[in-house]
């Protein structure tokens, strides 16, 4: 499957899920703790990019309620419509994040919660590097994924066909470090989404900081 074919498939899957996705993952305590970790490190009024923002909950809502300036980007029009309605204090854009111009050093923090899985490994590496460049020096990036050794796996997610790629935990940590991040903390958990077709799945959360860039 080409990249141009993969993008519509990913959008269609999450268009179909809509608010069902939010309900399925609302019980993730690890996600909540991750947001608390980030909030404790943000200065007032920080600018935060939420990649794969979904319905806006819990990430964009939690950050916006804390007074931060949040931009959410998602490829699913249905998700973006839901997010804009549910979290009016944040801004949302329907687009592939790779098509959004991101100025270097323009964000205090970037959130990437489970939004890499629809990309192949090469694309994931390229996107993480791009997102790191969009961070200010010492800015924070939170990355969560399902840490499995798979590439181009055809799977069913909440009843919808998807193609999934990921990295095992050690390789994901290496990817982050090679992209210019310092991994400060990591937390692994096992979570079962609230959905009839769901099975327990491993989750890995990396809490990172962009390494300082020395003065020229």
N, C-alpha and C. Protein backbone atom coordinates (compact mmCIF):
# COMPACT_ATOMS: atom_id res chain seq x y z
N UNK A 1 0.85 -1.20 0.00
CA UNK A 1 0.00 0.00 0.00
C UNK A 1 0.88 1.25 0.00
N UNK A 2 0.60 2.17 -0.90
CA UNK A 2 1.38 3.40 -0.97
C UNK A 2 0.95 4.36 0.13
N UNK A 3 1.78 5.39 0.34
CA UNK A 3 1.47 6.40 1.35
C UNK A 3 0.16 7.11 1.02
N UNK A 4 -0.07 7.41 -0.27
CA UNK A 4 -1.29 8.09 -0.67
C UNK A 4 -2.54 7.24 -0.42
N UNK A 5 -2.38 5.91 -0.47
CA UNK A 5 -3.50 5.02 -0.17
C UNK A 5 -3.70 4.88 1.33
N UNK A 6 -2.61 4.92 2.09
CA UNK A 6 -2.68 4.73 3.53
C UNK A 6 -3.38 5.89 4.23
N UNK A 7 -3.15 7.11 3.76
CA UNK A 7 -3.75 8.26 4.42
C UNK A 7 -5.28 8.20 4.43
N UNK A 8 -5.95 7.96 3.28
CA UNK A 8 -7.41 7.86 3.30
C UNK A 8 -7.91 6.72 4.16
N UNK A 9 -7.19 5.60 4.20
CA UNK A 9 -7.63 4.48 5.02
C UNK A 9 -7.61 4.86 6.49
N UNK A 10 -6.56 5.53 6.93
CA UNK A 10 -6.46 5.94 8.33
C UNK A 10 -7.57 6.92 8.68
N UNK A 11 -7.81 7.89 7.79
CA UNK A 11 -8.87 8.87 8.04
C UNK A 11 -10.23 8.20 8.11
N UNK A 12 -10.48 7.26 7.20
CA UNK A 12 -11.77 6.57 7.17
C UNK A 12 -12.00 5.77 8.44
N UNK A 13 -10.95 5.10 8.93
CA UNK A 13 -11.09 4.29 10.14
C UNK A 13 -11.49 5.14 11.33
N UNK A 14 -10.85 6.30 11.49
CA UNK A 14 -11.14 7.13 12.65
C UNK A 14 -12.38 7.99 12.45
N UNK A 15 -12.74 8.28 11.20
CA UNK A 15 -14.04 8.90 10.94
C UNK A 15 -15.15 7.99 11.44
N UNK A 16 -15.01 6.69 11.17
CA UNK A 16 -16.04 5.72 11.55
C UNK A 16 -16.12 5.56 13.07
N UNK A 17 -14.98 5.66 13.75
CA UNK A 17 -14.97 5.46 15.19
C UNK A 17 -15.53 6.65 15.94
N UNK A 18 -15.12 7.87 15.55
CA UNK A 18 -15.63 9.07 16.18
C UNK A 18 -15.54 9.03 17.69
N UNK A 19 -16.64 9.38 18.36
CA UNK A 19 -16.68 9.46 19.82
C UNK A 19 -16.48 8.10 20.47
N UNK A 20 -16.68 7.02 19.71
CA UNK A 20 -16.49 5.67 20.24
C UNK A 20 -15.04 5.48 20.70
N UNK A 21 -14.11 6.09 19.98
CA UNK A 21 -12.70 5.98 20.35
C UNK A 21 -12.46 6.62 21.71
N UNK A 22 -13.02 7.80 21.91
CA UNK A 22 -12.85 8.49 23.19
C UNK A 22 -13.35 7.64 24.35
N UNK A 23 -14.53 7.05 24.18
CA UNK A 23 -15.10 6.21 25.24
C UNK A 23 -14.22 5.00 25.53
N UNK A 24 -13.65 4.42 24.48
CA UNK A 24 -12.86 3.22 24.64
C UNK A 24 -11.58 3.46 25.43
N UNK A 25 -11.00 4.66 25.30
CA UNK A 25 -9.70 4.93 25.91
C UNK A 25 -9.76 5.90 27.09
N UNK A 26 -10.96 6.31 27.47
CA UNK A 26 -11.10 7.29 28.54
C UNK A 26 -10.57 6.79 29.87
N UNK A 27 -10.52 5.49 30.06
CA UNK A 27 -10.09 4.95 31.34
C UNK A 27 -8.60 4.77 31.50
N UNK A 28 -7.79 5.28 30.59
CA UNK A 28 -6.34 5.10 30.68
C UNK A 28 -5.73 6.01 31.75
N UNK A 29 -5.40 5.42 32.88
CA UNK A 29 -4.77 6.20 33.96
C UNK A 29 -3.35 6.60 33.59
N UNK A 30 -2.69 5.76 32.79
CA UNK A 30 -1.32 6.09 32.38
C UNK A 30 -1.30 7.34 31.52
N UNK A 31 -2.29 7.49 30.65
CA UNK A 31 -2.39 8.70 29.84
C UNK A 31 -2.59 9.92 30.72
N UNK A 32 -3.45 9.79 31.72
CA UNK A 32 -3.69 10.90 32.65
C UNK A 32 -2.41 11.27 33.40
N UNK A 33 -1.69 10.27 33.87
CA UNK A 33 -0.44 10.55 34.58
C UNK A 33 0.57 11.22 33.66
N UNK A 34 0.58 10.83 32.39
CA UNK A 34 1.48 11.44 31.42
C UNK A 34 1.18 12.93 31.26
N UNK A 35 -0.10 13.25 31.18
CA UNK A 35 -0.48 14.66 31.06
C UNK A 35 -0.11 15.44 32.32
N UNK A 36 -0.26 14.82 33.48
CA UNK A 36 0.13 15.49 34.73
C UNK A 36 1.64 15.75 34.74
N UNK A 37 2.40 14.79 34.23
CA UNK A 37 3.86 14.97 34.14
C UNK A 37 4.19 16.18 33.28
N UNK A 38 3.51 16.29 32.14
CA UNK A 38 3.78 17.40 31.23
C UNK A 38 3.35 18.73 31.85
N UNK A 39 2.17 18.76 32.43
CA UNK A 39 1.67 20.00 33.03
C UNK A 39 2.62 20.53 34.09
N UNK A 40 3.25 19.65 34.83
CA UNK A 40 4.16 20.07 35.90
C UNK A 40 5.41 20.74 35.36
N UNK A 41 5.66 20.60 34.06
CA UNK A 41 6.89 21.13 33.46
C UNK A 41 6.65 22.29 32.50
N UNK A 42 5.41 22.68 32.31
CA UNK A 42 5.10 23.76 31.38
C UNK A 42 4.97 25.09 32.09
N UNK A 43 5.56 26.11 31.50
CA UNK A 43 5.37 27.47 32.00
C UNK A 43 3.96 27.93 31.65
N UNK A 44 3.42 28.91 32.39
CA UNK A 44 2.07 29.40 32.07
C UNK A 44 1.96 29.86 30.62
N UNK A 45 0.84 29.52 29.99
CA UNK A 45 0.60 29.96 28.62
C UNK A 45 1.50 29.34 27.58
N UNK A 46 1.97 28.12 27.83
CA UNK A 46 2.85 27.46 26.86
C UNK A 46 2.09 27.10 25.58
N UNK A 47 2.84 27.02 24.49
CA UNK A 47 2.27 26.64 23.20
C UNK A 47 2.52 25.15 22.98
N UNK A 48 1.45 24.39 22.78
CA UNK A 48 1.55 22.94 22.71
C UNK A 48 0.91 22.42 21.43
N UNK A 49 1.60 21.50 20.76
CA UNK A 49 1.09 20.84 19.57
C UNK A 49 0.62 19.44 19.94
N UNK A 50 -0.63 19.12 19.61
CA UNK A 50 -1.20 17.80 19.87
C UNK A 50 -1.37 17.07 18.54
N UNK A 51 -0.50 16.10 18.29
CA UNK A 51 -0.47 15.39 17.01
C UNK A 51 -1.40 14.19 17.07
N UNK A 52 -2.37 14.14 16.15
CA UNK A 52 -3.38 13.10 16.22
C UNK A 52 -4.32 13.38 17.37
N UNK A 53 -4.92 14.56 17.36
CA UNK A 53 -5.65 15.08 18.52
C UNK A 53 -6.99 14.41 18.77
N UNK A 54 -7.48 13.62 17.81
CA UNK A 54 -8.71 12.87 18.03
C UNK A 54 -9.88 13.75 18.41
N UNK A 55 -10.62 13.34 19.43
CA UNK A 55 -11.81 14.09 19.86
C UNK A 55 -11.46 15.27 20.77
N UNK A 56 -10.17 15.48 21.02
CA UNK A 56 -9.75 16.58 21.89
C UNK A 56 -9.67 16.19 23.35
N UNK A 57 -10.17 15.01 23.69
CA UNK A 57 -10.15 14.54 25.07
C UNK A 57 -9.34 13.25 25.18
N UNK A 58 -8.48 13.14 26.19
CA UNK A 58 -8.28 14.10 27.27
C UNK A 58 -7.19 15.14 27.02
N UNK A 59 -6.37 14.96 25.98
CA UNK A 59 -5.13 15.75 25.88
C UNK A 59 -5.38 17.24 25.70
N UNK A 60 -6.00 17.63 24.59
CA UNK A 60 -6.18 19.06 24.32
C UNK A 60 -7.02 19.72 25.41
N UNK A 61 -8.05 19.04 25.86
CA UNK A 61 -8.91 19.61 26.90
C UNK A 61 -8.15 19.86 28.19
N UNK A 62 -7.35 18.89 28.62
CA UNK A 62 -6.58 19.03 29.86
C UNK A 62 -5.60 20.19 29.76
N UNK A 63 -4.91 20.29 28.64
CA UNK A 63 -3.92 21.36 28.47
C UNK A 63 -4.57 22.73 28.34
N UNK A 64 -5.64 22.81 27.56
CA UNK A 64 -6.34 24.09 27.39
C UNK A 64 -6.96 24.56 28.69
N UNK A 65 -7.53 23.63 29.46
CA UNK A 65 -8.13 24.00 30.74
C UNK A 65 -7.09 24.54 31.71
N UNK A 66 -5.82 24.15 31.51
CA UNK A 66 -4.73 24.63 32.36
C UNK A 66 -4.18 25.97 31.87
N UNK A 67 -4.77 26.51 30.81
CA UNK A 67 -4.37 27.83 30.31
C UNK A 67 -3.34 27.84 29.22
N UNK A 68 -3.07 26.68 28.62
CA UNK A 68 -2.07 26.63 27.56
C UNK A 68 -2.71 26.81 26.18
N UNK A 69 -1.89 27.26 25.24
CA UNK A 69 -2.34 27.48 23.86
C UNK A 69 -2.12 26.19 23.08
N UNK A 70 -3.21 25.54 22.69
CA UNK A 70 -3.12 24.21 22.11
C UNK A 70 -3.55 24.22 20.64
N UNK A 71 -2.71 23.62 19.79
CA UNK A 71 -3.08 23.36 18.40
C UNK A 71 -3.16 21.85 18.22
N UNK A 72 -4.34 21.35 17.87
CA UNK A 72 -4.51 19.94 17.59
C UNK A 72 -4.60 19.70 16.09
N UNK A 73 -3.91 18.68 15.62
CA UNK A 73 -3.92 18.33 14.20
C UNK A 73 -4.32 16.87 14.06
N UNK A 74 -5.31 16.59 13.24
CA UNK A 74 -5.77 15.23 13.03
C UNK A 74 -6.21 15.06 11.58
N UNK A 75 -6.01 13.85 11.05
CA UNK A 75 -6.34 13.59 9.64
C UNK A 75 -7.82 13.29 9.44
N UNK A 76 -8.55 13.04 10.52
CA UNK A 76 -9.96 12.66 10.44
C UNK A 76 -10.87 13.88 10.58
N UNK A 77 -11.66 14.21 9.55
CA UNK A 77 -12.59 15.34 9.65
C UNK A 77 -13.61 15.17 10.77
N UNK A 78 -14.07 13.95 10.98
CA UNK A 78 -15.05 13.70 12.04
C UNK A 78 -14.43 13.98 13.41
N UNK A 79 -13.22 13.52 13.62
CA UNK A 79 -12.54 13.76 14.89
C UNK A 79 -12.32 15.26 15.12
N UNK A 80 -11.91 15.96 14.10
CA UNK A 80 -11.65 17.40 14.24
C UNK A 80 -12.93 18.15 14.56
N UNK A 81 -14.02 17.77 13.92
CA UNK A 81 -15.31 18.41 14.21
C UNK A 81 -15.72 18.18 15.66
N UNK A 82 -15.56 16.94 16.14
CA UNK A 82 -15.87 16.63 17.53
C UNK A 82 -14.99 17.43 18.48
N UNK A 83 -13.70 17.48 18.19
CA UNK A 83 -12.77 18.18 19.07
C UNK A 83 -13.08 19.67 19.15
N UNK A 84 -13.36 20.28 18.01
CA UNK A 84 -13.66 21.72 18.00
C UNK A 84 -14.91 22.03 18.82
N UNK A 85 -15.86 21.11 18.80
CA UNK A 85 -17.09 21.31 19.57
C UNK A 85 -16.87 21.06 21.06
N UNK A 86 -16.07 20.05 21.37
CA UNK A 86 -15.89 19.68 22.77
C UNK A 86 -14.85 20.51 23.50
N UNK A 87 -13.87 21.04 22.76
CA UNK A 87 -12.78 21.80 23.39
C UNK A 87 -12.62 23.14 22.67
N UNK A 88 -13.58 24.05 22.86
CA UNK A 88 -13.53 25.33 22.13
C UNK A 88 -12.34 26.21 22.51
N UNK A 89 -11.70 25.92 23.64
CA UNK A 89 -10.56 26.74 24.06
C UNK A 89 -9.29 26.41 23.28
N UNK A 90 -9.29 25.31 22.53
CA UNK A 90 -8.14 24.93 21.72
C UNK A 90 -8.45 25.16 20.25
N UNK A 91 -7.41 25.14 19.41
CA UNK A 91 -7.58 25.25 17.96
C UNK A 91 -7.29 23.89 17.33
N UNK A 92 -8.04 23.56 16.28
CA UNK A 92 -7.86 22.27 15.63
C UNK A 92 -7.79 22.45 14.11
N UNK A 93 -7.00 21.58 13.50
CA UNK A 93 -6.82 21.63 12.05
C UNK A 93 -6.91 20.22 11.49
N UNK A 94 -7.70 20.06 10.44
CA UNK A 94 -7.81 18.76 9.77
C UNK A 94 -6.74 18.68 8.69
N UNK A 95 -5.73 17.87 8.95
CA UNK A 95 -4.61 17.75 8.00
C UNK A 95 -3.73 16.59 8.42
N UNK A 96 -2.93 16.12 7.48
CA UNK A 96 -1.83 15.21 7.81
C UNK A 96 -0.73 16.10 8.40
N UNK A 97 -0.25 15.74 9.59
CA UNK A 97 0.73 16.59 10.27
C UNK A 97 1.96 16.85 9.40
N UNK A 98 2.26 15.92 8.48
CA UNK A 98 3.43 16.10 7.62
C UNK A 98 3.22 17.18 6.58
N UNK A 99 1.97 17.60 6.39
CA UNK A 99 1.66 18.65 5.42
C UNK A 99 1.52 20.02 6.09
N UNK A 100 1.68 20.07 7.41
CA UNK A 100 1.51 21.32 8.15
C UNK A 100 2.87 21.99 8.31
N UNK A 101 3.02 23.24 7.87
CA UNK A 101 4.30 23.93 8.07
C UNK A 101 4.56 24.14 9.56
N UNK A 102 5.68 23.63 10.05
CA UNK A 102 6.04 23.76 11.46
C UNK A 102 7.38 24.49 11.54
N UNK A 103 7.35 25.69 12.04
CA UNK A 103 8.59 26.47 12.16
C UNK A 103 9.47 25.86 13.25
N UNK A 104 10.76 25.88 13.03
CA UNK A 104 11.69 25.37 14.04
C UNK A 104 11.54 26.15 15.34
N UNK A 105 11.53 25.42 16.46
CA UNK A 105 11.48 26.06 17.76
C UNK A 105 10.21 26.81 18.07
N UNK A 106 9.10 26.38 17.51
CA UNK A 106 7.86 27.15 17.66
C UNK A 106 6.93 26.64 18.76
N UNK A 107 7.24 25.48 19.37
CA UNK A 107 6.38 24.93 20.41
C UNK A 107 7.17 24.65 21.69
N UNK A 108 6.49 24.85 22.80
CA UNK A 108 7.08 24.52 24.10
C UNK A 108 6.96 23.02 24.39
N UNK A 109 5.95 22.39 23.80
CA UNK A 109 5.76 20.95 24.01
C UNK A 109 5.00 20.36 22.83
N UNK A 110 5.22 19.08 22.61
CA UNK A 110 4.51 18.33 21.57
C UNK A 110 4.01 17.02 22.19
N UNK A 111 2.75 16.70 21.94
CA UNK A 111 2.15 15.45 22.40
C UNK A 111 1.92 14.54 21.20
N UNK A 112 2.37 13.30 21.31
CA UNK A 112 2.19 12.32 20.24
C UNK A 112 1.64 11.05 20.89
N UNK A 113 0.35 11.05 21.14
CA UNK A 113 -0.27 9.92 21.82
C UNK A 113 -0.88 8.95 20.80
N UNK A 114 -0.17 7.87 20.53
CA UNK A 114 -0.65 6.77 19.69
C UNK A 114 -0.95 7.18 18.24
N UNK A 115 -0.32 8.25 17.78
CA UNK A 115 -0.62 8.74 16.43
C UNK A 115 0.43 8.36 15.38
N UNK A 116 1.42 7.57 15.77
CA UNK A 116 2.42 7.12 14.79
C UNK A 116 2.08 5.78 14.17
N UNK A 117 1.17 5.06 14.76
CA UNK A 117 0.97 3.65 14.41
C UNK A 117 0.52 3.44 12.97
N UNK A 118 -0.12 4.44 12.36
CA UNK A 118 -0.60 4.30 10.98
C UNK A 118 0.49 4.60 9.95
N UNK A 119 1.67 5.00 10.41
CA UNK A 119 2.78 5.31 9.52
C UNK A 119 3.76 4.14 9.50
N UNK A 120 4.48 3.97 8.38
CA UNK A 120 5.51 2.94 8.39
C UNK A 120 6.70 3.44 9.20
N UNK A 121 7.67 2.56 9.42
CA UNK A 121 8.77 2.92 10.31
C UNK A 121 9.60 4.09 9.79
N UNK A 122 9.85 4.11 8.50
CA UNK A 122 10.61 5.23 7.94
C UNK A 122 9.89 6.54 8.17
N UNK A 123 8.58 6.54 7.94
CA UNK A 123 7.78 7.75 8.14
C UNK A 123 7.74 8.17 9.61
N UNK A 124 7.70 7.19 10.50
CA UNK A 124 7.71 7.52 11.92
C UNK A 124 9.00 8.21 12.32
N UNK A 125 10.12 7.68 11.84
CA UNK A 125 11.41 8.29 12.15
C UNK A 125 11.48 9.73 11.63
N UNK A 126 11.04 9.92 10.39
CA UNK A 126 11.08 11.25 9.80
C UNK A 126 10.19 12.23 10.55
N UNK A 127 9.01 11.76 10.96
CA UNK A 127 8.08 12.65 11.66
C UNK A 127 8.60 13.02 13.04
N UNK A 128 9.17 12.07 13.76
CA UNK A 128 9.70 12.41 15.09
C UNK A 128 10.81 13.45 14.96
N UNK A 129 11.67 13.30 13.98
CA UNK A 129 12.73 14.31 13.77
C UNK A 129 12.13 15.68 13.48
N UNK A 130 11.09 15.71 12.65
CA UNK A 130 10.41 16.96 12.32
C UNK A 130 9.81 17.60 13.56
N UNK A 131 9.17 16.79 14.39
CA UNK A 131 8.53 17.32 15.59
C UNK A 131 9.56 17.81 16.60
N UNK A 132 10.69 17.13 16.69
CA UNK A 132 11.74 17.59 17.60
C UNK A 132 12.24 18.96 17.16
N UNK A 133 12.40 19.16 15.86
CA UNK A 133 12.85 20.47 15.37
C UNK A 133 11.83 21.57 15.67
N UNK A 134 10.57 21.20 15.76
CA UNK A 134 9.54 22.21 16.04
C UNK A 134 9.53 22.63 17.51
N UNK A 135 10.27 21.92 18.35
CA UNK A 135 10.35 22.24 19.77
C UNK A 135 11.40 23.31 20.05
N UNK A 136 11.12 24.13 21.04
CA UNK A 136 12.15 25.02 21.54
C UNK A 136 13.22 24.19 22.26
N UNK A 137 14.45 24.67 22.32
CA UNK A 137 15.45 23.95 23.10
C UNK A 137 14.95 23.72 24.53
N UNK A 138 15.12 22.52 25.02
CA UNK A 138 14.64 22.08 26.34
C UNK A 138 13.12 21.93 26.40
N UNK A 139 12.44 22.05 25.24
CA UNK A 139 11.01 21.78 25.20
C UNK A 139 10.75 20.30 25.39
N UNK A 140 9.52 19.97 25.73
CA UNK A 140 9.18 18.59 26.06
C UNK A 140 8.35 17.92 24.97
N UNK A 141 8.58 16.64 24.79
CA UNK A 141 7.79 15.83 23.87
C UNK A 141 7.38 14.56 24.59
N UNK A 142 6.08 14.27 24.54
CA UNK A 142 5.56 13.04 25.12
C UNK A 142 5.11 12.13 23.98
N UNK A 143 5.62 10.92 23.98
CA UNK A 143 5.34 9.97 22.90
C UNK A 143 4.80 8.68 23.49
N UNK A 144 3.62 8.27 23.03
CA UNK A 144 3.02 7.02 23.49
C UNK A 144 2.70 6.15 22.29
N UNK A 145 2.91 4.86 22.44
CA UNK A 145 2.64 3.93 21.36
C UNK A 145 2.37 2.54 21.92
N UNK A 146 2.06 1.62 21.02
CA UNK A 146 1.97 0.20 21.35
C UNK A 146 3.30 -0.42 20.91
N UNK A 147 4.17 -0.76 21.86
CA UNK A 147 5.54 -1.14 21.51
C UNK A 147 5.65 -2.58 21.04
N UNK A 148 5.41 -2.79 19.75
CA UNK A 148 5.47 -4.11 19.17
C UNK A 148 6.45 -4.11 18.00
N UNK A 149 7.04 -5.25 17.71
CA UNK A 149 7.98 -5.39 16.60
C UNK A 149 7.19 -5.79 15.35
N UNK A 150 6.50 -4.81 14.76
CA UNK A 150 5.66 -5.08 13.59
C UNK A 150 5.84 -3.96 12.56
N UNK A 151 5.70 -4.32 11.29
CA UNK A 151 5.72 -3.32 10.23
C UNK A 151 4.77 -3.75 9.12
N UNK A 152 3.85 -2.86 8.77
CA UNK A 152 2.91 -3.13 7.71
C UNK A 152 1.96 -4.27 8.03
N UNK A 153 1.58 -4.41 9.30
CA UNK A 153 0.69 -5.49 9.71
C UNK A 153 -0.77 -5.10 9.47
N UNK A 154 -1.49 -5.89 8.72
CA UNK A 154 -2.91 -5.67 8.53
C UNK A 154 -3.64 -6.20 9.77
N UNK A 155 -4.38 -5.31 10.43
CA UNK A 155 -5.03 -5.67 11.69
C UNK A 155 -6.44 -5.10 11.73
N UNK A 156 -7.17 -5.49 12.74
CA UNK A 156 -8.49 -4.93 12.99
C UNK A 156 -8.46 -4.18 14.30
N UNK A 157 -8.84 -2.92 14.27
CA UNK A 157 -8.83 -2.07 15.46
C UNK A 157 -10.26 -1.59 15.72
N UNK A 158 -10.84 -2.06 16.81
CA UNK A 158 -12.21 -1.70 17.16
C UNK A 158 -13.16 -1.94 15.99
N UNK A 159 -12.94 -3.08 15.32
CA UNK A 159 -13.82 -3.47 14.23
C UNK A 159 -13.48 -2.87 12.89
N UNK A 160 -12.42 -2.08 12.81
CA UNK A 160 -12.06 -1.40 11.56
C UNK A 160 -10.70 -1.89 11.05
N UNK A 161 -10.56 -2.08 9.73
CA UNK A 161 -9.26 -2.52 9.20
C UNK A 161 -8.24 -1.39 9.24
N UNK A 162 -7.06 -1.70 9.72
CA UNK A 162 -5.97 -0.73 9.77
C UNK A 162 -4.67 -1.44 9.42
N UNK A 163 -3.69 -0.67 9.00
CA UNK A 163 -2.35 -1.21 8.79
C UNK A 163 -1.43 -0.55 9.82
N UNK A 164 -0.73 -1.38 10.56
CA UNK A 164 -0.01 -0.91 11.74
C UNK A 164 1.49 -1.20 11.61
N UNK A 165 2.28 -0.21 12.05
CA UNK A 165 3.73 -0.39 12.19
C UNK A 165 4.15 0.18 13.54
N UNK A 166 5.13 -0.46 14.16
CA UNK A 166 5.61 0.04 15.44
C UNK A 166 7.02 -0.48 15.68
N UNK A 167 7.58 -0.09 16.83
CA UNK A 167 8.91 -0.51 17.24
C UNK A 167 8.82 -1.16 18.62
N UNK A 168 9.65 -2.14 18.92
CA UNK A 168 9.76 -2.58 20.30
C UNK A 168 10.32 -1.46 21.17
N UNK A 169 10.16 -1.59 22.48
CA UNK A 169 10.46 -0.49 23.40
C UNK A 169 11.87 0.06 23.25
N UNK A 170 12.88 -0.81 23.23
CA UNK A 170 14.27 -0.34 23.17
C UNK A 170 14.55 0.41 21.88
N UNK A 171 13.95 -0.03 20.79
CA UNK A 171 14.17 0.65 19.51
C UNK A 171 13.47 2.00 19.48
N UNK A 172 12.33 2.10 20.15
CA UNK A 172 11.64 3.39 20.22
C UNK A 172 12.46 4.39 21.03
N UNK A 173 13.02 3.94 22.13
CA UNK A 173 13.87 4.81 22.93
C UNK A 173 15.07 5.27 22.11
N UNK A 174 15.67 4.36 21.36
CA UNK A 174 16.81 4.71 20.50
C UNK A 174 16.40 5.72 19.44
N UNK A 175 15.21 5.53 18.86
CA UNK A 175 14.71 6.48 17.86
C UNK A 175 14.59 7.87 18.46
N UNK A 176 14.03 7.96 19.66
CA UNK A 176 13.87 9.25 20.32
C UNK A 176 15.22 9.91 20.56
N UNK A 177 16.16 9.15 21.06
CA UNK A 177 17.48 9.71 21.37
C UNK A 177 18.21 10.14 20.10
N UNK A 178 18.11 9.34 19.06
CA UNK A 178 18.76 9.69 17.80
C UNK A 178 18.14 10.93 17.16
N UNK A 179 16.90 11.23 17.52
CA UNK A 179 16.20 12.38 16.95
C UNK A 179 16.47 13.67 17.72
N UNK A 180 17.27 13.59 18.77
CA UNK A 180 17.63 14.79 19.52
C UNK A 180 16.90 14.94 20.84
N UNK A 181 16.33 13.86 21.35
CA UNK A 181 15.60 13.90 22.60
C UNK A 181 16.38 13.20 23.71
N UNK A 182 16.17 13.67 24.91
CA UNK A 182 16.63 12.97 26.11
C UNK A 182 15.40 12.34 26.76
N UNK A 183 15.41 11.03 26.90
CA UNK A 183 14.27 10.35 27.52
C UNK A 183 14.43 10.46 29.04
N UNK A 184 13.57 11.24 29.67
CA UNK A 184 13.66 11.50 31.10
C UNK A 184 12.98 10.41 31.92
N UNK A 185 11.82 9.96 31.45
CA UNK A 185 11.07 8.93 32.15
C UNK A 185 10.32 8.09 31.13
N UNK A 186 10.03 6.87 31.50
CA UNK A 186 9.17 6.03 30.66
C UNK A 186 8.28 5.18 31.55
N UNK A 187 7.09 4.90 31.06
CA UNK A 187 6.15 4.07 31.82
C UNK A 187 5.46 3.11 30.87
N UNK A 188 5.47 1.84 31.24
CA UNK A 188 4.80 0.80 30.47
C UNK A 188 3.57 0.33 31.24
N UNK A 189 2.51 0.00 30.52
CA UNK A 189 1.30 -0.49 31.16
C UNK A 189 0.57 -1.41 30.19
N UNK A 190 -0.40 -2.14 30.72
CA UNK A 190 -1.26 -2.98 29.92
C UNK A 190 -2.68 -2.43 30.05
N UNK A 191 -3.30 -2.11 28.91
CA UNK A 191 -4.60 -1.45 28.93
C UNK A 191 -5.57 -2.17 28.00
N UNK A 192 -6.79 -2.33 28.47
CA UNK A 192 -7.84 -2.92 27.65
C UNK A 192 -8.88 -1.85 27.32
N UNK A 193 -8.97 -1.43 26.07
CA UNK A 193 -9.97 -0.42 25.70
C UNK A 193 -11.38 -0.92 26.00
N UNK A 194 -12.26 0.03 26.29
CA UNK A 194 -13.65 -0.32 26.59
C UNK A 194 -14.42 -0.47 25.28
N UNK A 195 -14.31 -1.69 24.73
CA UNK A 195 -14.95 -1.99 23.45
C UNK A 195 -15.12 -3.49 23.34
N UNK A 196 -16.23 -3.97 22.77
CA UNK A 196 -16.47 -5.42 22.71
C UNK A 196 -15.39 -6.21 21.99
N UNK A 197 -14.74 -5.60 21.00
CA UNK A 197 -13.71 -6.31 20.23
C UNK A 197 -12.30 -6.10 20.77
N UNK A 198 -12.18 -5.37 21.87
CA UNK A 198 -10.85 -4.99 22.36
C UNK A 198 -10.18 -6.13 23.12
N UNK A 199 -8.86 -6.17 23.03
CA UNK A 199 -8.03 -7.08 23.80
C UNK A 199 -7.01 -6.26 24.58
N UNK A 200 -6.46 -6.81 25.65
CA UNK A 200 -5.41 -6.08 26.37
C UNK A 200 -4.25 -5.75 25.43
N UNK A 201 -3.75 -4.53 25.50
CA UNK A 201 -2.65 -4.13 24.64
C UNK A 201 -1.58 -3.41 25.46
N UNK A 202 -0.30 -3.65 25.15
CA UNK A 202 0.77 -2.95 25.87
C UNK A 202 0.86 -1.50 25.42
N UNK A 203 1.07 -0.62 26.37
CA UNK A 203 1.26 0.79 26.08
C UNK A 203 2.61 1.23 26.65
N UNK A 204 3.29 2.09 25.93
CA UNK A 204 4.55 2.66 26.39
C UNK A 204 4.50 4.17 26.23
N UNK A 205 4.80 4.87 27.31
CA UNK A 205 4.83 6.34 27.31
C UNK A 205 6.26 6.80 27.57
N UNK A 206 6.80 7.58 26.64
CA UNK A 206 8.12 8.18 26.80
C UNK A 206 7.96 9.67 27.08
N UNK A 207 8.60 10.13 28.14
CA UNK A 207 8.56 11.54 28.52
C UNK A 207 9.94 12.12 28.26
N UNK A 208 10.01 13.01 27.30
CA UNK A 208 11.30 13.44 26.75
C UNK A 208 11.47 14.95 26.79
N UNK A 209 12.74 15.36 26.64
CA UNK A 209 13.09 16.78 26.52
C UNK A 209 14.05 16.94 25.36
N UNK A 210 13.84 17.99 24.60
CA UNK A 210 14.77 18.26 23.51
C UNK A 210 16.10 18.71 24.10
N UNK A 211 17.15 18.10 23.62
CA UNK A 211 18.47 18.49 24.11
C UNK A 211 18.77 19.93 23.72
N UNK A 212 19.43 20.63 24.62
CA UNK A 212 19.72 22.04 24.38
C UNK A 212 20.59 22.21 23.14
N UNK A 213 20.30 23.25 22.40
CA UNK A 213 21.09 23.56 21.21
C UNK A 213 22.08 24.66 21.60
N UNK A 214 23.40 24.42 21.51
CA UNK A 214 24.37 25.44 21.90
C UNK A 214 24.29 26.67 21.01
N UNK A 215 24.65 27.79 21.57
CA UNK A 215 24.68 29.04 20.80
C UNK A 215 25.68 28.93 19.66
N UNK A 216 25.30 29.49 18.51
CA UNK A 216 26.21 29.46 17.35
C UNK A 216 27.39 30.39 17.57
